[in-house]
N, C-alpha and C. Protein backbone atom coordinates (compact mmCIF):
# COMPACT_ATOMS: atom_id res chain seq x y z
N MET A 1 23.19 -73.62 -21.99
CA MET A 1 23.46 -72.38 -21.39
C MET A 1 21.57 -72.29 -21.62
N LYS A 2 21.18 -71.41 -20.67
CA LYS A 2 19.63 -71.10 -20.95
C LYS A 2 19.33 -70.04 -20.50
N LEU A 3 17.98 -69.36 -21.13
CA LEU A 3 17.59 -68.12 -21.63
C LEU A 3 16.76 -68.04 -20.03
N GLY A 4 16.76 -66.67 -19.70
CA GLY A 4 15.47 -66.36 -18.29
C GLY A 4 15.14 -65.99 -18.82
N ARG A 5 14.46 -65.33 -18.73
CA ARG A 5 12.57 -64.86 -18.71
C ARG A 5 12.68 -64.02 -19.66
N LEU A 6 11.16 -64.11 -20.55
CA LEU A 6 10.64 -62.92 -21.29
C LEU A 6 11.11 -61.45 -20.41
N ASN A 7 11.44 -60.72 -20.93
CA ASN A 7 12.60 -59.25 -20.10
C ASN A 7 11.00 -58.18 -20.64
N HIS A 8 10.72 -58.22 -22.00
CA HIS A 8 10.33 -57.13 -22.64
C HIS A 8 9.49 -58.03 -24.39
N VAL A 9 8.39 -57.35 -24.49
CA VAL A 9 8.16 -56.52 -25.86
C VAL A 9 8.40 -55.68 -26.77
N GLY A 10 9.25 -55.43 -27.98
CA GLY A 10 9.68 -54.33 -28.50
C GLY A 10 8.46 -53.64 -29.70
N VAL A 11 7.86 -53.08 -29.49
CA VAL A 11 7.29 -52.25 -30.20
C VAL A 11 7.18 -51.17 -31.25
N ALA A 12 7.44 -51.05 -32.20
CA ALA A 12 7.76 -50.11 -32.97
C ALA A 12 6.31 -49.09 -33.07
N VAL A 13 6.54 -47.83 -32.96
CA VAL A 13 5.45 -47.06 -32.66
C VAL A 13 5.57 -46.06 -34.19
N PRO A 14 4.69 -45.41 -34.37
CA PRO A 14 4.54 -44.07 -35.80
C PRO A 14 5.41 -42.95 -34.88
N SER A 15 4.22 -42.88 -33.69
CA SER A 15 4.55 -41.50 -32.64
C SER A 15 4.99 -42.04 -31.16
N MET A 16 5.55 -41.80 -30.60
CA MET A 16 5.96 -42.30 -29.04
C MET A 16 4.81 -41.77 -28.02
N GLN A 17 4.73 -39.99 -28.48
CA GLN A 17 3.49 -39.84 -27.34
C GLN A 17 2.19 -40.32 -27.55
N ASP A 18 2.04 -40.46 -29.05
CA ASP A 18 0.64 -41.18 -29.18
C ASP A 18 0.79 -43.19 -28.51
N ALA A 19 1.63 -43.13 -28.53
CA ALA A 19 1.82 -45.07 -28.23
C ALA A 19 1.51 -44.67 -26.41
N MET A 20 2.66 -43.73 -26.13
CA MET A 20 2.45 -43.86 -24.65
C MET A 20 0.77 -43.66 -23.74
N ALA A 21 -0.01 -42.65 -24.95
CA ALA A 21 -1.24 -42.19 -24.45
C ALA A 21 -2.05 -43.05 -24.46
N TYR A 22 -1.53 -43.80 -25.59
CA TYR A 22 -2.88 -45.48 -25.17
C TYR A 22 -2.29 -46.60 -24.59
N TYR A 23 -1.01 -46.41 -24.51
CA TYR A 23 -1.08 -47.56 -23.21
C TYR A 23 -1.89 -47.36 -21.63
N ARG A 24 -1.21 -45.58 -21.35
CA ARG A 24 -1.37 -45.80 -20.11
C ARG A 24 -3.09 -45.73 -20.48
N ASP A 25 -3.31 -44.64 -21.36
CA ASP A 25 -5.48 -44.51 -20.94
C ASP A 25 -6.45 -45.71 -21.07
N VAL A 26 -6.34 -46.37 -22.44
CA VAL A 26 -6.51 -47.71 -22.69
C VAL A 26 -6.27 -48.95 -22.13
N LEU A 27 -4.91 -48.56 -22.03
CA LEU A 27 -4.70 -50.60 -21.87
C LEU A 27 -4.51 -50.13 -20.09
N GLY A 28 -3.79 -48.90 -19.81
CA GLY A 28 -3.61 -49.06 -17.91
C GLY A 28 -2.68 -49.14 -17.90
N ALA A 29 -1.95 -49.05 -17.96
CA ALA A 29 -0.34 -49.27 -18.30
C ALA A 29 0.53 -47.62 -17.47
N GLU A 30 1.41 -48.16 -16.56
CA GLU A 30 2.77 -47.14 -16.37
C GLU A 30 3.14 -46.84 -16.99
N VAL A 31 3.53 -45.44 -17.73
CA VAL A 31 4.57 -45.43 -18.38
C VAL A 31 6.21 -45.05 -16.82
N ILE A 32 7.07 -46.11 -17.38
CA ILE A 32 8.48 -46.34 -16.35
C ILE A 32 9.54 -45.50 -16.59
N THR A 33 9.68 -45.07 -18.32
CA THR A 33 10.90 -44.28 -18.46
C THR A 33 10.04 -43.38 -18.89
N GLN A 34 10.43 -41.83 -19.29
CA GLN A 34 10.06 -41.26 -20.17
C GLN A 34 11.06 -41.25 -21.83
N PRO A 35 9.90 -41.06 -22.59
CA PRO A 35 11.19 -41.29 -23.98
C PRO A 35 12.62 -40.68 -23.83
N PHE A 36 13.58 -41.57 -24.49
CA PHE A 36 14.67 -40.68 -24.31
C PHE A 36 15.28 -41.01 -25.96
N ASP A 37 16.08 -40.63 -26.25
CA ASP A 37 17.16 -41.16 -27.86
C ASP A 37 18.52 -41.69 -27.61
N MET A 38 18.39 -42.65 -28.39
CA MET A 38 19.61 -43.55 -28.73
C MET A 38 19.99 -43.83 -30.04
N PRO A 39 20.69 -41.87 -29.85
CA PRO A 39 21.16 -41.86 -31.84
C PRO A 39 22.42 -43.03 -32.33
N GLU A 40 22.56 -44.21 -31.97
CA GLU A 40 23.54 -44.68 -31.86
C GLU A 40 22.38 -46.16 -32.49
N GLN A 41 21.38 -46.31 -32.30
CA GLN A 41 20.75 -47.15 -32.90
C GLN A 41 19.70 -46.72 -33.59
N GLY A 42 19.48 -45.11 -33.50
CA GLY A 42 18.73 -44.94 -34.26
C GLY A 42 17.25 -44.19 -34.02
N VAL A 43 17.18 -44.60 -32.52
CA VAL A 43 15.94 -44.82 -32.03
C VAL A 43 15.16 -43.88 -30.37
N LYS A 44 14.09 -43.59 -30.26
CA LYS A 44 13.59 -43.01 -29.51
C LYS A 44 13.00 -44.21 -28.74
N VAL A 45 12.96 -44.17 -27.03
CA VAL A 45 12.79 -44.93 -26.89
C VAL A 45 12.39 -45.04 -25.31
N ALA A 46 10.79 -45.65 -25.06
CA ALA A 46 10.17 -45.43 -23.35
C ALA A 46 9.32 -46.91 -23.26
N PHE A 47 9.39 -47.01 -22.07
CA PHE A 47 9.10 -48.08 -21.12
C PHE A 47 7.93 -47.64 -20.93
N VAL A 48 6.57 -49.60 -20.41
CA VAL A 48 5.69 -49.24 -20.49
C VAL A 48 5.40 -50.38 -19.87
N ASN A 49 5.17 -50.58 -18.00
CA ASN A 49 4.18 -51.72 -17.83
C ASN A 49 2.94 -52.36 -17.92
N THR A 50 2.74 -53.24 -18.48
CA THR A 50 0.94 -53.63 -18.50
C THR A 50 0.65 -53.58 -16.94
N PRO A 51 -0.42 -53.44 -16.24
CA PRO A 51 -0.77 -54.03 -15.32
C PRO A 51 -0.76 -55.30 -15.35
N GLY A 52 -0.47 -56.09 -14.04
CA GLY A 52 -0.46 -57.52 -13.42
C GLY A 52 -2.18 -57.70 -13.04
N GLN A 53 -2.15 -58.60 -12.68
CA GLN A 53 -4.33 -58.72 -12.40
C GLN A 53 -3.65 -58.38 -11.05
N ASP A 54 -2.50 -59.02 -10.29
CA ASP A 54 -2.49 -59.14 -8.57
C ASP A 54 -2.28 -57.70 -8.08
N GLY A 55 -2.03 -56.36 -9.32
CA GLY A 55 -2.08 -55.24 -8.93
C GLY A 55 -0.47 -54.73 -8.99
N THR A 56 0.88 -55.98 -9.12
CA THR A 56 2.25 -55.63 -9.40
C THR A 56 1.95 -55.73 -11.37
N ALA A 57 3.20 -54.81 -11.59
CA ALA A 57 3.18 -54.95 -12.66
C ALA A 57 3.45 -56.49 -13.64
N GLY A 58 2.88 -56.37 -14.43
CA GLY A 58 2.92 -57.13 -15.50
C GLY A 58 3.68 -57.58 -16.58
N THR A 59 3.88 -57.02 -17.48
CA THR A 59 4.54 -57.60 -19.58
C THR A 59 4.92 -55.77 -19.03
N GLN A 60 6.85 -55.65 -18.85
CA GLN A 60 7.21 -54.14 -19.70
C GLN A 60 7.19 -54.63 -21.39
N ILE A 61 6.89 -53.55 -21.75
CA ILE A 61 6.59 -53.19 -23.39
C ILE A 61 7.50 -52.12 -23.50
N GLU A 62 8.49 -52.46 -24.67
CA GLU A 62 9.41 -51.04 -25.18
C GLU A 62 8.73 -50.77 -25.87
N LEU A 63 8.65 -49.19 -26.35
CA LEU A 63 8.47 -48.57 -27.34
C LEU A 63 9.36 -47.30 -27.96
N ILE A 64 9.18 -48.13 -29.33
CA ILE A 64 10.44 -48.04 -30.36
C ILE A 64 9.69 -46.62 -31.12
N GLU A 65 10.35 -45.85 -31.35
CA GLU A 65 10.00 -44.42 -32.21
C GLU A 65 11.51 -44.42 -32.86
N PRO A 66 11.09 -44.46 -35.18
CA PRO A 66 12.01 -43.81 -35.69
C PRO A 66 12.75 -42.78 -35.44
N LEU A 67 14.44 -42.61 -34.76
CA LEU A 67 14.86 -40.82 -34.85
C LEU A 67 15.03 -40.51 -36.48
N GLY A 68 14.77 -40.74 -37.21
CA GLY A 68 14.60 -40.24 -38.41
C GLY A 68 14.36 -41.41 -39.98
N ALA A 69 14.70 -40.66 -40.65
CA ALA A 69 14.57 -41.76 -42.30
C ALA A 69 15.27 -42.74 -42.19
N ASP A 70 16.43 -42.57 -41.34
CA ASP A 70 17.46 -43.52 -41.84
C ASP A 70 17.80 -44.46 -40.67
N SER A 71 16.29 -44.65 -39.55
CA SER A 71 16.82 -45.49 -38.55
C SER A 71 16.53 -46.70 -38.42
N PRO A 72 17.10 -48.03 -38.38
CA PRO A 72 16.13 -49.40 -39.18
C PRO A 72 14.71 -49.54 -38.62
N ILE A 73 14.11 -48.66 -37.81
CA ILE A 73 12.89 -48.99 -37.57
C ILE A 73 12.05 -48.68 -38.45
N ALA A 74 13.01 -47.05 -39.41
CA ALA A 74 11.78 -46.58 -40.60
C ALA A 74 11.55 -47.13 -41.09
N SER A 75 12.19 -48.48 -41.86
CA SER A 75 11.84 -49.71 -42.63
C SER A 75 10.52 -50.59 -42.11
N PHE A 76 10.42 -50.59 -41.08
CA PHE A 76 9.40 -51.22 -40.48
C PHE A 76 8.34 -50.19 -40.01
N ILE A 77 8.41 -49.19 -39.95
CA ILE A 77 7.34 -48.29 -40.20
C ILE A 77 6.40 -48.03 -40.30
N ALA A 78 7.45 -47.76 -42.08
CA ALA A 78 6.63 -47.79 -43.59
C ALA A 78 6.11 -49.57 -44.11
N LYS A 79 6.88 -50.53 -43.40
CA LYS A 79 5.74 -51.25 -43.95
C LYS A 79 4.94 -51.66 -42.99
N ASN A 80 4.56 -51.43 -41.98
CA ASN A 80 3.78 -51.07 -40.93
C ASN A 80 3.15 -49.63 -40.87
N PRO A 81 2.66 -49.03 -40.76
CA PRO A 81 2.32 -47.71 -40.55
C PRO A 81 1.80 -47.43 -39.00
N ALA A 82 0.61 -48.73 -38.83
CA ALA A 82 0.29 -48.07 -37.39
C ALA A 82 1.77 -48.84 -36.28
N GLY A 83 2.44 -49.25 -36.38
CA GLY A 83 3.48 -49.80 -36.03
C GLY A 83 3.08 -51.24 -35.49
N GLY A 84 3.34 -51.75 -34.85
CA GLY A 84 3.47 -53.23 -34.18
C GLY A 84 4.47 -53.71 -33.72
N GLN A 85 4.12 -55.51 -32.77
CA GLN A 85 5.65 -55.87 -32.49
C GLN A 85 6.42 -56.08 -33.90
N HIS A 86 7.99 -56.03 -32.35
CA HIS A 86 9.00 -55.56 -33.61
C HIS A 86 9.94 -56.72 -32.85
N HIS A 87 9.92 -57.38 -31.79
CA HIS A 87 10.72 -58.45 -31.46
C HIS A 87 10.42 -58.38 -29.44
N LEU A 88 11.06 -60.11 -29.57
CA LEU A 88 11.30 -59.80 -27.80
C LEU A 88 12.17 -60.18 -27.48
N CYS A 89 12.33 -59.69 -26.60
CA CYS A 89 13.87 -59.98 -25.41
C CYS A 89 13.69 -61.40 -24.42
N TYR A 90 14.88 -62.09 -24.39
CA TYR A 90 15.21 -62.30 -23.62
C TYR A 90 16.06 -62.65 -22.69
N GLU A 91 15.99 -62.72 -21.07
CA GLU A 91 17.44 -62.28 -20.55
C GLU A 91 18.59 -63.29 -20.38
N VAL A 92 19.50 -63.39 -20.10
CA VAL A 92 20.86 -64.27 -20.78
C VAL A 92 21.52 -63.76 -19.24
N ALA A 93 22.41 -64.28 -18.07
CA ALA A 93 23.07 -64.07 -17.03
C ALA A 93 24.45 -63.85 -17.55
N ASP A 94 25.00 -64.26 -19.23
CA ASP A 94 26.18 -63.99 -19.12
C ASP A 94 26.08 -63.50 -20.83
N ILE A 95 26.33 -62.21 -21.29
CA ILE A 95 25.68 -62.44 -22.94
C ILE A 95 27.17 -63.31 -23.74
N GLU A 96 28.36 -63.05 -23.53
CA GLU A 96 29.24 -63.64 -24.01
C GLU A 96 29.17 -65.66 -24.37
N ALA A 97 28.71 -65.52 -22.86
CA ALA A 97 28.19 -67.47 -22.84
C ALA A 97 27.18 -67.72 -24.08
N ALA A 98 25.76 -66.47 -23.77
CA ALA A 98 24.88 -66.56 -24.47
C ALA A 98 25.40 -66.58 -25.89
N ARG A 99 25.99 -66.00 -26.86
CA ARG A 99 26.26 -65.08 -27.57
C ARG A 99 27.00 -66.83 -28.60
N ALA A 100 28.05 -67.24 -27.56
CA ALA A 100 29.03 -68.34 -28.45
C ALA A 100 27.94 -69.41 -28.98
N TRP A 101 26.90 -69.72 -27.06
CA TRP A 101 25.81 -70.76 -27.66
C TRP A 101 24.89 -70.43 -28.63
N PHE A 102 24.47 -69.62 -28.94
CA PHE A 102 24.01 -69.36 -30.54
C PHE A 102 24.29 -69.89 -31.79
N GLU A 103 25.85 -69.07 -31.69
CA GLU A 103 26.79 -69.37 -32.41
C GLU A 103 26.83 -70.44 -33.15
N GLY A 104 27.27 -71.61 -31.93
CA GLY A 104 27.74 -72.48 -31.96
C GLY A 104 26.32 -73.36 -32.84
N GLN A 105 24.77 -72.91 -32.16
CA GLN A 105 23.55 -73.65 -33.26
C GLN A 105 23.37 -72.99 -34.60
N GLY A 106 24.55 -72.18 -35.12
CA GLY A 106 24.42 -72.37 -36.53
C GLY A 106 23.14 -70.71 -36.45
N LYS A 107 22.75 -70.21 -35.84
CA LYS A 107 22.12 -68.80 -35.48
C LYS A 107 22.89 -67.48 -35.75
N ARG A 108 22.06 -67.04 -36.37
CA ARG A 108 22.99 -65.69 -37.03
C ARG A 108 22.18 -64.61 -36.19
N ILE A 109 23.44 -64.39 -35.93
CA ILE A 109 23.78 -62.84 -35.24
C ILE A 109 24.04 -61.31 -36.20
N LEU A 110 22.90 -60.76 -35.36
CA LEU A 110 22.99 -58.93 -36.36
C LEU A 110 24.01 -58.19 -35.55
N GLY A 111 24.51 -58.32 -35.84
CA GLY A 111 26.11 -56.89 -35.55
C GLY A 111 26.57 -57.55 -34.43
N PRO A 112 26.98 -56.25 -33.59
CA PRO A 112 27.56 -56.48 -32.31
C PRO A 112 27.21 -56.88 -31.45
N THR A 113 27.38 -57.08 -29.72
CA THR A 113 27.27 -57.10 -28.46
C THR A 113 27.21 -55.38 -28.51
N ARG A 114 26.26 -54.76 -28.37
CA ARG A 114 26.24 -53.64 -27.63
C ARG A 114 25.39 -53.19 -26.83
N ILE A 115 25.92 -52.07 -26.01
CA ILE A 115 24.24 -52.20 -24.86
C ILE A 115 23.38 -51.58 -25.48
N GLY A 116 22.19 -51.92 -24.90
CA GLY A 116 20.59 -51.30 -24.95
C GLY A 116 20.16 -50.23 -24.31
N ALA A 117 18.80 -50.22 -24.46
CA ALA A 117 18.03 -49.59 -23.46
C ALA A 117 18.14 -49.69 -21.99
N HIS A 118 18.52 -50.54 -21.24
CA HIS A 118 18.21 -50.56 -19.88
C HIS A 118 19.50 -50.66 -19.62
N GLY A 119 20.76 -50.41 -20.38
CA GLY A 119 21.94 -49.60 -20.43
C GLY A 119 23.36 -51.64 -19.44
N THR A 120 22.56 -52.63 -20.37
CA THR A 120 22.77 -53.42 -20.05
C THR A 120 23.95 -53.90 -21.41
N PRO A 121 24.48 -55.03 -21.69
CA PRO A 121 24.73 -55.24 -23.38
C PRO A 121 23.68 -56.44 -23.65
N ILE A 122 23.27 -56.48 -24.87
CA ILE A 122 22.78 -57.00 -25.64
C ILE A 122 22.98 -57.22 -27.32
N PHE A 123 21.83 -58.52 -27.63
CA PHE A 123 22.67 -58.70 -29.47
C PHE A 123 21.50 -59.37 -30.20
N PHE A 124 20.77 -59.34 -30.70
CA PHE A 124 19.79 -59.89 -31.15
C PHE A 124 19.92 -60.58 -32.80
N LEU A 125 18.94 -61.67 -33.04
CA LEU A 125 19.23 -62.63 -33.63
C LEU A 125 18.31 -62.82 -34.76
N HIS A 126 19.10 -62.79 -35.38
CA HIS A 126 18.19 -63.03 -37.21
C HIS A 126 16.52 -63.61 -37.10
N PRO A 127 15.80 -62.94 -37.92
CA PRO A 127 14.74 -63.66 -37.42
C PRO A 127 13.50 -65.05 -38.39
N LYS A 128 15.18 -65.08 -39.33
CA LYS A 128 14.81 -66.32 -39.73
C LYS A 128 15.14 -67.57 -38.95
N ASP A 129 15.87 -67.26 -38.06
CA ASP A 129 16.38 -68.57 -37.27
C ASP A 129 15.99 -68.52 -35.74
N MET A 130 14.76 -67.89 -36.03
CA MET A 130 14.11 -68.40 -34.47
C MET A 130 12.64 -67.92 -34.92
N LEU A 131 12.31 -68.62 -35.66
CA LEU A 131 10.76 -69.18 -35.67
C LEU A 131 10.24 -67.74 -36.43
N GLY A 132 10.65 -66.63 -37.05
CA GLY A 132 10.17 -65.81 -37.49
C GLY A 132 10.26 -64.23 -36.80
N GLN A 133 10.40 -64.65 -35.94
CA GLN A 133 10.21 -63.79 -34.78
C GLN A 133 12.08 -62.97 -34.13
N LEU A 134 12.20 -61.79 -34.87
CA LEU A 134 13.42 -61.55 -33.79
C LEU A 134 13.41 -61.10 -32.71
N THR A 135 15.04 -61.93 -32.11
CA THR A 135 14.42 -61.50 -30.66
C THR A 135 16.35 -61.35 -30.04
N GLU A 136 15.82 -60.24 -29.23
CA GLU A 136 16.56 -59.84 -28.40
C GLU A 136 17.09 -60.94 -27.31
N ILE A 137 18.63 -60.88 -26.98
CA ILE A 137 19.21 -61.20 -25.76
C ILE A 137 19.80 -59.96 -25.22
N MET A 138 19.61 -60.48 -23.78
CA MET A 138 20.22 -59.54 -23.01
C MET A 138 20.60 -59.82 -21.36
N GLU A 139 21.67 -59.62 -21.59
CA GLU A 139 22.63 -59.68 -19.58
C GLU A 139 21.68 -59.44 -19.07
N THR A 140 21.49 -59.28 -18.04
CA THR A 140 20.85 -58.91 -16.81
C THR A 140 21.82 -58.86 -15.38
N PRO A 141 21.73 -58.09 -14.58
CA PRO A 141 22.63 -58.22 -13.69
C PRO A 141 22.26 -59.42 -12.83
N ARG A 142 23.04 -60.70 -12.24
CA ARG A 142 22.63 -61.58 -11.78
C ARG A 142 21.43 -61.48 -10.55
N GLU A 143 21.62 -60.48 -9.78
CA GLU A 143 20.30 -60.69 -8.42
C GLU A 143 19.36 -60.25 -8.85
N GLN A 144 18.87 -60.26 -10.58
CA GLN A 144 17.54 -59.85 -11.08
C GLN A 144 17.02 -61.32 -11.41
N HIS A 145 17.50 -62.29 -11.20
CA HIS A 145 17.56 -63.56 -11.85
C HIS A 145 17.33 -64.67 -11.26
């Protein structure tokens, strides 16, 4: 099993509009999706691309805002009122093979495989098994590899 590239960095934010303005106006990022709700995960999501040095897209950032008090992100924001880095997301070609490989390594998987904000299958790995970092594994279409 081999991980693909880092797809995005997830950043929990208390205000989606303020975060989008910050990334756009201060960091020069391009807002690539308008915010959309993911009620099954209890979050509102938008994606921005930071500028690359050669004029191409740099790193994709997933902005994540809690949809309500029962959102899994709400407790993160309660502990980090200004928001902060929430997770790293890596690409894989085959989500089920990746899940089996991580399970075989004794890594704890948080919940079932489900459809993520990019519309592809994802799962999360427990931070205590991943050097303290919540890690998302995301299947990407083969042509993206």
